[in-house]
Amino acid sequence: MDERIIAPELQEQEQRFELSLRPKTLTEFIGQPKVKDNLGIFLEAAKGRGEACEHVLLYGPPGLGKTTLAHVIGMEMAANVRVTSGPALERVGDLAAILTNLEDGDVLFIDEIHR
């Protein structure tokens, strides 16, 4: 059977292409200048201490770059980014299981945590 050109799910090639377009550093990130400045100071201080950065809460309406900034934080700190969503955390032990599997310095991004 021929592969469909249009499919409801992302193909691996599309995912790689989409990721290549996202900024990897704060310098490449466009917009949110105050957030970028504060985050830059925050990340440089953590790197200077040789520690992981403290907790960061990114909030706001869709389309402001929260997910992208979470990945930029991971890239800037040379850390793995683990992604989950609030609705995926259905049982009490779900978050505990994720936290248990984090490595030192990993970034945990919980999208849609308010749901």
PDB file of N, CA and C in Angstrom:
ATOM      1  N   MET A   1       0.838  -1.173   0.000  1.00  0.00           N
ATOM      2  CA  MET A   1       0.000   0.000   0.000  1.00  0.00           C
ATOM      3  C   MET A   1       0.888   1.242   0.000  1.00  0.00           C
ATOM      4  N   ASP A   2       0.505   2.241  -0.761  1.00  0.00           N
ATOM      5  CA  ASP A   2       1.259   3.486  -0.832  1.00  0.00           C
ATOM      6  C   ASP A   2       1.121   4.262   0.472  1.00  0.00           C
ATOM      7  N   GLU A   3       2.234   4.948   0.835  1.00  0.00           N
ATOM      8  CA  GLU A   3       2.162   5.820   2.003  1.00  0.00           C
ATOM      9  C   GLU A   3       1.348   7.050   1.657  1.00  0.00           C
ATOM     10  N   ARG A   4       0.543   7.464   2.577  1.00  0.00           N
ATOM     11  CA  ARG A   4      -0.249   8.666   2.354  1.00  0.00           C
ATOM     12  C   ARG A   4       0.631   9.894   2.535  1.00  0.00           C
ATOM     13  N   ILE A   5       0.439  10.867   1.694  1.00  0.00           N
ATOM     14  CA  ILE A   5       1.173  12.118   1.829  1.00  0.00           C
ATOM     15  C   ILE A   5       0.636  12.902   3.018  1.00  0.00           C
ATOM     16  N   ILE A   6      -0.661  12.829   3.213  1.00  0.00           N
ATOM     17  CA  ILE A   6      -1.291  13.510   4.339  1.00  0.00           C
ATOM     18  C   ILE A   6      -1.792  12.445   5.302  1.00  0.00           C
ATOM     19  N   ALA A   7      -1.317  12.518   6.532  1.00  0.00           N
ATOM     20  CA  ALA A   7      -1.724  11.554   7.546  1.00  0.00           C
ATOM     21  C   ALA A   7      -1.988  12.313   8.842  1.00  0.00           C
ATOM     22  N   PRO A   8      -2.875  11.797   9.691  1.00  0.00           N
ATOM     23  CA  PRO A   8      -3.203  12.510  10.929  1.00  0.00           C
ATOM     24  C   PRO A   8      -2.055  12.557  11.933  1.00  0.00           C
ATOM     25  N   GLU A   9      -1.148  11.607  11.884  1.00  0.00           N
ATOM     26  CA  GLU A   9      -0.048  11.594  12.837  1.00  0.00           C
ATOM     27  C   GLU A   9       1.234  12.069  12.156  1.00  0.00           C
ATOM     28  N   LEU A  10       2.113  12.667  12.961  1.00  0.00           N
ATOM     29  CA  LEU A  10       3.389  13.141  12.438  1.00  0.00           C
ATOM     30  C   LEU A  10       4.269  11.962  12.063  1.00  0.00           C
ATOM     31  N   GLN A  11       4.921  12.067  10.946  1.00  0.00           N
ATOM     32  CA  GLN A  11       5.895  11.067  10.536  1.00  0.00           C
ATOM     33  C   GLN A  11       7.233  11.421  11.189  1.00  0.00           C
ATOM     34  N   GLU A  12       8.128  10.440  11.283  1.00  0.00           N
ATOM     35  CA  GLU A  12       9.419  10.668  11.932  1.00  0.00           C
ATOM     36  C   GLU A  12      10.188  11.805  11.257  1.00  0.00           C
ATOM     37  N   GLN A  13      10.171  11.841   9.944  1.00  0.00           N
ATOM     38  CA  GLN A  13      10.873  12.891   9.205  1.00  0.00           C
ATOM     39  C   GLN A  13      10.287  14.269   9.522  1.00  0.00           C
ATOM     40  N   GLU A  14       8.974  14.347   9.640  1.00  0.00           N
ATOM     41  CA  GLU A  14       8.327  15.616   9.975  1.00  0.00           C
ATOM     42  C   GLU A  14       8.708  16.071  11.373  1.00  0.00           C
ATOM     43  N   GLN A  15       8.770  15.110  12.318  1.00  0.00           N
ATOM     44  CA  GLN A  15       9.138  15.445  13.693  1.00  0.00           C
ATOM     45  C   GLN A  15      10.558  15.994  13.751  1.00  0.00           C
ATOM     46  N   ARG A  16      11.484  15.342  13.034  1.00  0.00           N
ATOM     47  CA  ARG A  16      12.875  15.818  13.017  1.00  0.00           C
ATOM     48  C   ARG A  16      12.952  17.225  12.427  1.00  0.00           C
ATOM     49  N   PHE A  17      12.199  17.448  11.340  1.00  0.00           N
ATOM     50  CA  PHE A  17      12.197  18.761  10.698  1.00  0.00           C
ATOM     51  C   PHE A  17      11.634  19.821  11.643  1.00  0.00           C
ATOM     52  N   GLU A  18      10.532  19.499  12.295  1.00  0.00           N
ATOM     53  CA  GLU A  18       9.914  20.449  13.224  1.00  0.00           C
ATOM     54  C   GLU A  18      10.871  20.800  14.361  1.00  0.00           C
ATOM     55  N   LEU A  19      11.554  19.791  14.908  1.00  0.00           N
ATOM     56  CA  LEU A  19      12.503  20.043  15.997  1.00  0.00           C
ATOM     57  C   LEU A  19      13.685  20.884  15.529  1.00  0.00           C
ATOM     58  N   SER A  20      14.103  20.707  14.281  1.00  0.00           N
ATOM     59  CA  SER A  20      15.244  21.476  13.773  1.00  0.00           C
ATOM     60  C   SER A  20      14.913  22.962  13.648  1.00  0.00           C
ATOM     61  N   LEU A  21      13.637  23.297  13.542  1.00  0.00           N
ATOM     62  CA  LEU A  21      13.229  24.695  13.411  1.00  0.00           C
ATOM     63  C   LEU A  21      13.138  25.420  14.748  1.00  0.00           C
ATOM     64  N   ARG A  22      13.027  24.674  15.826  1.00  0.00           N
ATOM     65  CA  ARG A  22      12.880  25.297  17.147  1.00  0.00           C
ATOM     66  C   ARG A  22      14.212  25.875  17.617  1.00  0.00           C
ATOM     67  N   PRO A  23      14.160  26.999  18.334  1.00  0.00           N
ATOM     68  CA  PRO A  23      15.403  27.573  18.875  1.00  0.00           C
ATOM     69  C   PRO A  23      16.028  26.638  19.903  1.00  0.00           C
ATOM     70  N   LYS A  24      17.354  26.654  19.939  1.00  0.00           N
ATOM     71  CA  LYS A  24      18.072  25.792  20.875  1.00  0.00           C
ATOM     72  C   LYS A  24      18.761  26.588  21.979  1.00  0.00           C
ATOM     73  N   THR A  25      18.817  27.901  21.816  1.00  0.00           N
ATOM     74  CA  THR A  25      19.433  28.770  22.820  1.00  0.00           C
ATOM     75  C   THR A  25      18.522  29.968  23.074  1.00  0.00           C
ATOM     76  N   LEU A  26      18.767  30.660  24.171  1.00  0.00           N
ATOM     77  CA  LEU A  26      17.994  31.869  24.460  1.00  0.00           C
ATOM     78  C   LEU A  26      18.222  32.935  23.391  1.00  0.00           C
ATOM     79  N   THR A  27      19.416  32.972  22.827  1.00  0.00           N
ATOM     80  CA  THR A  27      19.715  33.943  21.778  1.00  0.00           C
ATOM     81  C   THR A  27      18.844  33.713  20.550  1.00  0.00           C
ATOM     82  N   GLU A  28      18.587  32.454  20.216  1.00  0.00           N
ATOM     83  CA  GLU A  28      17.770  32.117  19.049  1.00  0.00           C
ATOM     84  C   GLU A  28      16.278  32.325  19.308  1.00  0.00           C
ATOM     85  N   PHE A  29      15.877  32.366  20.562  1.00  0.00           N
ATOM     86  CA  PHE A  29      14.462  32.512  20.911  1.00  0.00           C
ATOM     87  C   PHE A  29      14.017  33.943  20.637  1.00  0.00           C
ATOM     88  N   ILE A  30      12.951  34.107  19.870  1.00  0.00           N
ATOM     89  CA  ILE A  30      12.450  35.432  19.504  1.00  0.00           C
ATOM     90  C   ILE A  30      11.264  35.792  20.404  1.00  0.00           C
ATOM     91  N   GLY A  31      11.291  37.009  20.949  1.00  0.00           N
ATOM     92  CA  GLY A  31      10.186  37.476  21.780  1.00  0.00           C
ATOM     93  C   GLY A  31      10.475  37.317  23.259  1.00  0.00           C
ATOM     94  N   GLN A  32       9.538  37.766  24.073  1.00  0.00           N
ATOM     95  CA  GLN A  32       9.621  37.664  25.535  1.00  0.00           C
ATOM     96  C   GLN A  32      10.959  38.190  26.080  1.00  0.00           C
ATOM     97  N   PRO A  33      11.360  39.422  25.745  1.00  0.00           N
ATOM     98  CA  PRO A  33      12.687  39.906  26.142  1.00  0.00           C
ATOM     99  C   PRO A  33      12.929  39.927  27.653  1.00  0.00           C
ATOM    100  N   LYS A  34      11.939  40.304  28.454  1.00  0.00           N
ATOM    101  CA  LYS A  34      12.132  40.327  29.911  1.00  0.00           C
ATOM    102  C   LYS A  34      12.317  38.913  30.452  1.00  0.00           C
ATOM    103  N   VAL A  35      11.521  37.988  29.947  1.00  0.00           N
ATOM    104  CA  VAL A  35      11.636  36.592  30.373  1.00  0.00           C
ATOM    105  C   VAL A  35      13.011  36.056  29.990  1.00  0.00           C
ATOM    106  N   LYS A  36      13.441  36.346  28.769  1.00  0.00           N
ATOM    107  CA  LYS A  36      14.754  35.880  28.306  1.00  0.00           C
ATOM    108  C   LYS A  36      15.880  36.447  29.160  1.00  0.00           C
ATOM    109  N   ASP A  37      15.810  37.739  29.477  1.00  0.00           N
ATOM    110  CA  ASP A  37      16.854  38.358  30.300  1.00  0.00           C
ATOM    111  C   ASP A  37      16.921  37.713  31.678  1.00  0.00           C
ATOM    112  N   ASN A  38      15.775  37.589  32.331  1.00  0.00           N
ATOM    113  CA  ASN A  38      15.742  36.983  33.669  1.00  0.00           C
ATOM    114  C   ASN A  38      16.183  35.529  33.631  1.00  0.00           C
ATOM    115  N   LEU A  39      15.701  34.801  32.649  1.00  0.00           N
ATOM    116  CA  LEU A  39      16.059  33.391  32.529  1.00  0.00           C
ATOM    117  C   LEU A  39      17.551  33.236  32.232  1.00  0.00           C
ATOM    118  N   GLY A  40      18.098  34.131  31.416  1.00  0.00           N
ATOM    119  CA  GLY A  40      19.529  34.084  31.110  1.00  0.00           C
ATOM    120  C   GLY A  40      20.375  34.258  32.358  1.00  0.00           C
ATOM    121  N   ILE A  41      20.014  35.220  33.199  1.00  0.00           N
ATOM    122  CA  ILE A  41      20.736  35.445  34.461  1.00  0.00           C
ATOM    123  C   ILE A  41      20.615  34.218  35.358  1.00  0.00           C
ATOM    124  N   PHE A  42      19.415  33.698  35.436  1.00  0.00           N
ATOM    125  CA  PHE A  42      19.113  32.530  36.258  1.00  0.00           C
ATOM    126  C   PHE A  42      19.946  31.316  35.829  1.00  0.00           C
ATOM    127  N   LEU A  43      19.995  31.065  34.519  1.00  0.00           N
ATOM    128  CA  LEU A  43      20.727  29.905  33.998  1.00  0.00           C
ATOM    129  C   LEU A  43      22.235  30.092  34.146  1.00  0.00           C
ATOM    130  N   GLU A  44      22.734  31.293  33.876  1.00  0.00           N
ATOM    131  CA  GLU A  44      24.168  31.549  34.025  1.00  0.00           C
ATOM    132  C   GLU A  44      24.605  31.380  35.476  1.00  0.00           C
ATOM    133  N   ALA A  45      23.776  31.824  36.412  1.00  0.00           N
ATOM    134  CA  ALA A  45      24.101  31.671  37.834  1.00  0.00           C
ATOM    135  C   ALA A  45      24.170  30.192  38.212  1.00  0.00           C
ATOM    136  N   ALA A  46      23.215  29.414  37.731  1.00  0.00           N
ATOM    137  CA  ALA A  46      23.216  27.975  38.026  1.00  0.00           C
ATOM    138  C   ALA A  46      24.448  27.307  37.425  1.00  0.00           C
ATOM    139  N   LYS A  47      24.772  27.661  36.182  1.00  0.00           N
ATOM    140  CA  LYS A  47      25.964  27.089  35.536  1.00  0.00           C
ATOM    141  C   LYS A  47      27.222  27.498  36.291  1.00  0.00           C
ATOM    142  N   GLY A  48      27.281  28.762  36.728  1.00  0.00           N
ATOM    143  CA  GLY A  48      28.438  29.255  37.468  1.00  0.00           C
ATOM    144  C   GLY A  48      28.647  28.525  38.783  1.00  0.00           C
ATOM    145  N   ARG A  49      27.551  28.112  39.408  1.00  0.00           N
ATOM    146  CA  ARG A  49      27.629  27.345  40.656  1.00  0.00           C
ATOM    147  C   ARG A  49      27.860  25.864  40.397  1.00  0.00           C
ATOM    148  N   GLY A  50      27.727  25.451  39.131  1.00  0.00           N
ATOM    149  CA  GLY A  50      27.864  24.033  38.802  1.00  0.00           C
ATOM    150  C   GLY A  50      26.685  23.215  39.295  1.00  0.00           C
ATOM    151  N   GLU A  51      25.523  23.841  39.351  1.00  0.00           N
ATOM    152  CA  GLU A  51      24.319  23.175  39.854  1.00  0.00           C
ATOM    153  C   GLU A  51      23.222  23.191  38.803  1.00  0.00           C
ATOM    154  N   ALA A  52      22.229  22.349  39.021  1.00  0.00           N
ATOM    155  CA  ALA A  52      21.024  22.405  38.192  1.00  0.00           C
ATOM    156  C   ALA A  52      20.264  23.668  38.563  1.00  0.00           C
ATOM    157  N   CYS A  53      19.488  24.192  37.630  1.00  0.00           N
ATOM    158  CA  CYS A  53      18.711  25.391  37.959  1.00  0.00           C
ATOM    159  C   CYS A  53      17.536  25.014  38.853  1.00  0.00           C
ATOM    160  N   GLU A  54      17.092  25.999  39.597  1.00  0.00           N
ATOM    161  CA  GLU A  54      15.951  25.789  40.488  1.00  0.00           C
ATOM    162  C   GLU A  54      14.679  25.624  39.678  1.00  0.00           C
ATOM    163  N   HIS A  55      13.578  25.477  40.365  1.00  0.00           N
ATOM    164  CA  HIS A  55      12.285  25.296  39.707  1.00  0.00           C
ATOM    165  C   HIS A  55      11.887  26.546  38.932  1.00  0.00           C
ATOM    166  N   VAL A  56      11.272  26.319  37.787  1.00  0.00           N
ATOM    167  CA  VAL A  56      10.789  27.416  36.946  1.00  0.00           C
ATOM    168  C   VAL A  56       9.331  27.133  36.614  1.00  0.00           C
ATOM    169  N   LEU A  57       8.492  28.131  36.771  1.00  0.00           N
ATOM    170  CA  LEU A  57       7.087  28.001  36.397  1.00  0.00           C
ATOM    171  C   LEU A  57       6.833  28.912  35.206  1.00  0.00           C
ATOM    172  N   LEU A  58       6.485  28.314  34.082  1.00  0.00           N
ATOM    173  CA  LEU A  58       6.147  29.065  32.875  1.00  0.00           C
ATOM    174  C   LEU A  58       4.634  29.025  32.732  1.00  0.00           C
ATOM    175  N   TYR A  59       4.011  30.184  32.662  1.00  0.00           N
ATOM    176  CA  TYR A  59       2.551  30.207  32.562  1.00  0.00           C
ATOM    177  C   TYR A  59       2.117  31.255  31.540  1.00  0.00           C
ATOM    178  N   GLY A  60       0.915  31.097  31.067  1.00  0.00           N
ATOM    179  CA  GLY A  60       0.352  32.046  30.117  1.00  0.00           C
ATOM    180  C   GLY A  60      -0.489  31.328  29.084  1.00  0.00           C
ATOM    181  N   PRO A  61      -1.130  32.095  28.217  1.00  0.00           N
ATOM    182  CA  PRO A  61      -1.992  31.496  27.196  1.00  0.00           C
ATOM    183  C   PRO A  61      -1.172  30.734  26.149  1.00  0.00           C
ATOM    184  N   PRO A  62      -1.840  29.914  25.356  1.00  0.00           N
ATOM    185  CA  PRO A  62      -1.143  29.157  24.310  1.00  0.00           C
ATOM    186  C   PRO A  62      -0.421  30.078  23.323  1.00  0.00           C
ATOM    187  N   GLY A  63       0.696  29.581  22.824  1.00  0.00           N
ATOM    188  CA  GLY A  63       1.405  30.290  21.766  1.00  0.00           C
ATOM    189  C   GLY A  63       2.470  31.266  22.214  1.00  0.00           C
ATOM    190  N   LEU A  64       2.772  31.314  23.508  1.00  0.00           N
ATOM    191  CA  LEU A  64       3.783  32.255  23.993  1.00  0.00           C
ATOM    192  C   LEU A  64       5.182  31.652  24.051  1.00  0.00           C
ATOM    193  N   GLY A  65       5.298  30.344  23.839  1.00  0.00           N
ATOM    194  CA  GLY A  65       6.613  29.715  23.807  1.00  0.00           C
ATOM    195  C   GLY A  65       7.009  28.984  25.066  1.00  0.00           C
ATOM    196  N   LYS A  66       6.053  28.604  25.889  1.00  0.00           N
ATOM    197  CA  LYS A  66       6.381  27.914  27.146  1.00  0.00           C
ATOM    198  C   LYS A  66       7.091  26.585  26.880  1.00  0.00           C
ATOM    199  N   THR A  67       6.554  25.801  25.974  1.00  0.00           N
ATOM    200  CA  THR A  67       7.164  24.508  25.653  1.00  0.00           C
ATOM    201  C   THR A  67       8.548  24.715  25.054  1.00  0.00           C
ATOM    202  N   THR A  68       8.658  25.656  24.148  1.00  0.00           N
ATOM    203  CA  THR A  68       9.951  25.939  23.524  1.00  0.00           C
ATOM    204  C   THR A  68      10.959  26.399  24.568  1.00  0.00           C
ATOM    205  N   LEU A  69      10.542  27.279  25.490  1.00  0.00           N
ATOM    206  CA  LEU A  69      11.454  27.740  26.541  1.00  0.00           C
ATOM    207  C   LEU A  69      11.902  26.598  27.447  1.00  0.00           C
ATOM    208  N   ALA A  70      11.015  25.667  27.735  1.00  0.00           N
ATOM    209  CA  ALA A  70      11.400  24.513  28.555  1.00  0.00           C
ATOM    210  C   ALA A  70      12.506  23.720  27.861  1.00  0.00           C
ATOM    211  N   HIS A  71      12.388  23.549  26.557  1.00  0.00           N
ATOM    212  CA  HIS A  71      13.424  22.829  25.808  1.00  0.00           C
ATOM    213  C   HIS A  71      14.710  23.653  25.721  1.00  0.00           C
ATOM    214  N   VAL A  72      14.587  24.967  25.599  1.00  0.00           N
ATOM    215  CA  VAL A  72      15.767  25.833  25.582  1.00  0.00           C
ATOM    216  C   VAL A  72      16.503  25.737  26.919  1.00  0.00           C
ATOM    217  N   ILE A  73      15.768  25.717  28.018  1.00  0.00           N
ATOM    218  CA  ILE A  73      16.396  25.564  29.336  1.00  0.00           C
ATOM    219  C   ILE A  73      17.207  24.276  29.372  1.00  0.00           C
ATOM    220  N   GLY A  74      16.614  23.193  28.893  1.00  0.00           N
ATOM    221  CA  GLY A  74      17.331  21.919  28.852  1.00  0.00           C
ATOM    222  C   GLY A  74      18.587  21.991  28.007  1.00  0.00           C
ATOM    223  N   MET A  75      18.488  22.614  26.836  1.00  0.00           N
ATOM    224  CA  MET A  75      19.651  22.737  25.952  1.00  0.00           C
ATOM    225  C   MET A  75      20.726  23.618  26.590  1.00  0.00           C
ATOM    226  N   GLU A  76      20.321  24.734  27.170  1.00  0.00           N
ATOM    227  CA  GLU A  76      21.282  25.655  27.797  1.00  0.00           C
ATOM    228  C   GLU A  76      22.001  24.991  28.977  1.00  0.00           C
ATOM    229  N   MET A  77      21.293  24.121  29.678  1.00  0.00           N
ATOM    230  CA  MET A  77      21.879  23.444  30.839  1.00  0.00           C
ATOM    231  C   MET A  77      22.495  22.096  30.466  1.00  0.00           C
ATOM    232  N   ALA A  78      22.488  21.754  29.177  1.00  0.00           N
ATOM    233  CA  ALA A  78      23.012  20.466  28.698  1.00  0.00           C
ATOM    234  C   ALA A  78      22.358  19.312  29.457  1.00  0.00           C
ATOM    235  N   ALA A  79      21.044  19.391  29.581  1.00  0.00           N
ATOM    236  CA  ALA A  79      20.284  18.394  30.340  1.00  0.00           C
ATOM    237  C   ALA A  79      19.256  17.716  29.444  1.00  0.00           C
ATOM    238  N   ASN A  80      18.829  16.547  29.864  1.00  0.00           N
ATOM    239  CA  ASN A  80      17.732  15.868  29.178  1.00  0.00           C
ATOM    240  C   ASN A  80      16.421  16.537  29.579  1.00  0.00           C
ATOM    241  N   VAL A  81      15.511  16.643  28.628  1.00  0.00           N
ATOM    242  CA  VAL A  81      14.192  17.203  28.904  1.00  0.00           C
ATOM    243  C   VAL A  81      13.184  16.068  28.864  1.00  0.00           C
ATOM    244  N   ARG A  82      12.495  15.865  29.961  1.00  0.00           N
ATOM    245  CA  ARG A  82      11.430  14.862  30.039  1.00  0.00           C
ATOM    246  C   ARG A  82      10.106  15.605  29.971  1.00  0.00           C
ATOM    247  N   VAL A  83       9.226  15.166  29.099  1.00  0.00           N
ATOM    248  CA  VAL A  83       7.959  15.867  28.883  1.00  0.00           C
ATOM    249  C   VAL A  83       6.792  14.957  29.228  1.00  0.00           C
ATOM    250  N   THR A  84       5.840  15.498  29.962  1.00  0.00           N
ATOM    251  CA  THR A  84       4.580  14.816  30.217  1.00  0.00           C
ATOM    252  C   THR A  84       3.495  15.890  30.233  1.00  0.00           C
ATOM    253  N   SER A  85       2.271  15.475  30.446  1.00  0.00           N
ATOM    254  CA  SER A  85       1.184  16.459  30.509  1.00  0.00           C
ATOM    255  C   SER A  85       0.336  16.193  31.737  1.00  0.00           C
ATOM    256  N   GLY A  86      -0.310  17.233  32.218  1.00  0.00           N
ATOM    257  CA  GLY A  86      -1.176  17.109  33.385  1.00  0.00           C
ATOM    258  C   GLY A  86      -2.232  16.034  33.230  1.00  0.00           C
ATOM    259  N   PRO A  87      -2.963  16.013  32.104  1.00  0.00           N
ATOM    260  CA  PRO A  87      -3.990  14.981  31.935  1.00  0.00           C
ATOM    261  C   PRO A  87      -3.437  13.548  31.938  1.00  0.00           C
ATOM    262  N   ALA A  88      -2.147  13.380  31.608  1.00  0.00           N
ATOM    263  CA  ALA A  88      -1.557  12.037  31.604  1.00  0.00           C
ATOM    264  C   ALA A  88      -1.287  11.534  33.018  1.00  0.00           C
ATOM    265  N   LEU A  89      -1.265  12.440  33.983  1.00  0.00           N
ATOM    266  CA  LEU A  89      -1.012  12.070  35.377  1.00  0.00           C
ATOM    267  C   LEU A  89      -2.346  11.778  36.051  1.00  0.00           C
ATOM    268  N   GLU A  90      -2.838  10.578  35.852  1.00  0.00           N
ATOM    269  CA  GLU A  90      -4.171  10.219  36.335  1.00  0.00           C
ATOM    270  C   GLU A  90      -4.172   9.657  37.749  1.00  0.00           C
ATOM    271  N   ARG A  91      -3.158   8.865  38.069  1.00  0.00           N
ATOM    272  CA  ARG A  91      -3.120   8.217  39.383  1.00  0.00           C
ATOM    273  C   ARG A  91      -2.062   8.877  40.259  1.00  0.00           C
ATOM    274  N   VAL A  92      -2.184   8.660  41.545  1.00  0.00           N
ATOM    275  CA  VAL A  92      -1.271   9.261  42.517  1.00  0.00           C
ATOM    276  C   VAL A  92       0.175   8.889  42.217  1.00  0.00           C
ATOM    277  N   GLY A  93       0.432   7.674  41.840  1.00  0.00           N
ATOM    278  CA  GLY A  93       1.796   7.204  41.625  1.00  0.00           C
ATOM    279  C   GLY A  93       2.413   7.602  40.300  1.00  0.00           C
ATOM    280  N   ASP A  94       1.641   8.176  39.389  1.00  0.00           N
ATOM    281  CA  ASP A  94       2.169   8.516  38.064  1.00  0.00           C
ATOM    282  C   ASP A  94       3.318   9.517  38.148  1.00  0.00           C
ATOM    283  N   LEU A  95       3.132  10.586  38.897  1.00  0.00           N
ATOM    284  CA  LEU A  95       4.187  11.589  39.023  1.00  0.00           C
ATOM    285  C   LEU A  95       5.385  11.023  39.778  1.00  0.00           C
ATOM    286  N   ALA A  96       5.129  10.223  40.796  1.00  0.00           N
ATOM    287  CA  ALA A  96       6.224   9.608  41.556  1.00  0.00           C
ATOM    288  C   ALA A  96       7.080   8.732  40.650  1.00  0.00           C
ATOM    289  N   ALA A  97       6.445   8.004  39.737  1.00  0.00           N
ATOM    290  CA  ALA A  97       7.187   7.147  38.812  1.00  0.00           C
ATOM    291  C   ALA A  97       8.081   7.981  37.897  1.00  0.00           C
ATOM    292  N   ILE A  98       7.570   9.104  37.433  1.00  0.00           N
ATOM    293  CA  ILE A  98       8.368   9.974  36.562  1.00  0.00           C
ATOM    294  C   ILE A  98       9.543  10.564  37.340  1.00  0.00           C
ATOM    295  N   LEU A  99       9.268  11.066  38.544  1.00  0.00           N
ATOM    296  CA  LEU A  99      10.318  11.682  39.355  1.00  0.00           C
ATOM    297  C   LEU A  99      11.409  10.682  39.718  1.00  0.00           C
ATOM    298  N   THR A 100      11.023   9.445  39.969  1.00  0.00           N
ATOM    299  CA  THR A 100      11.985   8.407  40.322  1.00  0.00           C
ATOM    300  C   THR A 100      12.952   8.123  39.180  1.00  0.00           C
ATOM    301  N   ASN A 101      12.484   8.276  37.944  1.00  0.00           N
ATOM    302  CA  ASN A 101      13.313   7.962  36.785  1.00  0.00           C
ATOM    303  C   ASN A 101      14.122   9.145  36.260  1.00  0.00           C
ATOM    304  N   LEU A 102      14.004  10.306  36.888  1.00  0.00           N
ATOM    305  CA  LEU A 102      14.796  11.454  36.456  1.00  0.00           C
ATOM    306  C   LEU A 102      16.246  11.293  36.886  1.00  0.00           C
ATOM    307  N   GLU A 103      17.146  11.720  36.025  1.00  0.00           N
ATOM    308  CA  GLU A 103      18.567  11.747  36.357  1.00  0.00           C
ATOM    309  C   GLU A 103      18.886  13.111  36.966  1.00  0.00           C
ATOM    310  N   ASP A 104      20.003  13.194  37.653  1.00  0.00           N
ATOM    311  CA  ASP A 104      20.430  14.451  38.253  1.00  0.00           C
ATOM    312  C   ASP A 104      20.574  15.515  37.163  1.00  0.00           C
ATOM    313  N   GLY A 105      19.910  16.649  37.335  1.00  0.00           N
ATOM    314  CA  GLY A 105      20.000  17.741  36.377  1.00  0.00           C
ATOM    315  C   GLY A 105      18.972  17.718  35.263  1.00  0.00           C
ATOM    316  N   ASP A 106      18.176  16.652  35.151  1.00  0.00           N
ATOM    317  CA  ASP A 106      17.149  16.587  34.108  1.00  0.00           C
ATOM    318  C   ASP A 106      16.121  17.699  34.279  1.00  0.00           C
ATOM    319  N   VAL A 107      15.520  18.085  33.170  1.00  0.00           N
ATOM    320  CA  VAL A 107      14.445  19.073  33.172  1.00  0.00           C
ATOM    321  C   VAL A 107      13.136  18.326  32.977  1.00  0.00           C
ATOM    322  N   LEU A 108      12.184  18.538  33.879  1.00  0.00           N
ATOM    323  CA  LEU A 108      10.854  17.937  33.752  1.00  0.00           C
ATOM    324  C   LEU A 108       9.887  19.032  33.347  1.00  0.00           C
ATOM    325  N   PHE A 109       9.249  18.860  32.195  1.00  0.00           N
ATOM    326  CA  PHE A 109       8.256  19.813  31.712  1.00  0.00           C
ATOM    327  C   PHE A 109       6.897  19.143  31.765  1.00  0.00           C
ATOM    328  N   ILE A 110       5.993  19.709  32.573  1.00  0.00           N
ATOM    329  CA  ILE A 110       4.631  19.182  32.668  1.00  0.00           C
ATOM    330  C   ILE A 110       3.713  20.182  31.980  1.00  0.00           C
ATOM    331  N   ASP A 111       3.280  19.834  30.791  1.00  0.00           N
ATOM    332  CA  ASP A 111       2.401  20.705  30.008  1.00  0.00           C
ATOM    333  C   ASP A 111       0.965  20.549  30.489  1.00  0.00           C
ATOM    334  N   GLU A 112       0.198  21.600  30.393  1.00  0.00           N
ATOM    335  CA  GLU A 112      -1.227  21.563  30.753  1.00  0.00           C
ATOM    336  C   GLU A 112      -1.441  21.030  32.172  1.00  0.00           C
ATOM    337  N   ILE A 113      -0.611  21.448  33.110  1.00  0.00           N
ATOM    338  CA  ILE A 113      -0.685  20.910  34.473  1.00  0.00           C
ATOM    339  C   ILE A 113      -1.971  21.328  35.188  1.00  0.00           C
ATOM    340  N   HIS A 114      -2.608  22.375  34.718  1.00  0.00           N
ATOM    341  CA  HIS A 114      -3.831  22.861  35.358  1.00  0.00           C
ATOM    342  C   HIS A 114      -5.043  21.978  35.072  1.00  0.00           C
ATOM    343  N   ARG A 115      -4.925  21.029  34.181  1.00  0.00           N
ATOM    344  CA  ARG A 115      -6.080  20.198  33.814  1.00  0.00           C
ATOM    345  C   ARG A 115      -6.167  18.964  34.659  1.00  0.00           C
TER     346      ARG A 115
END
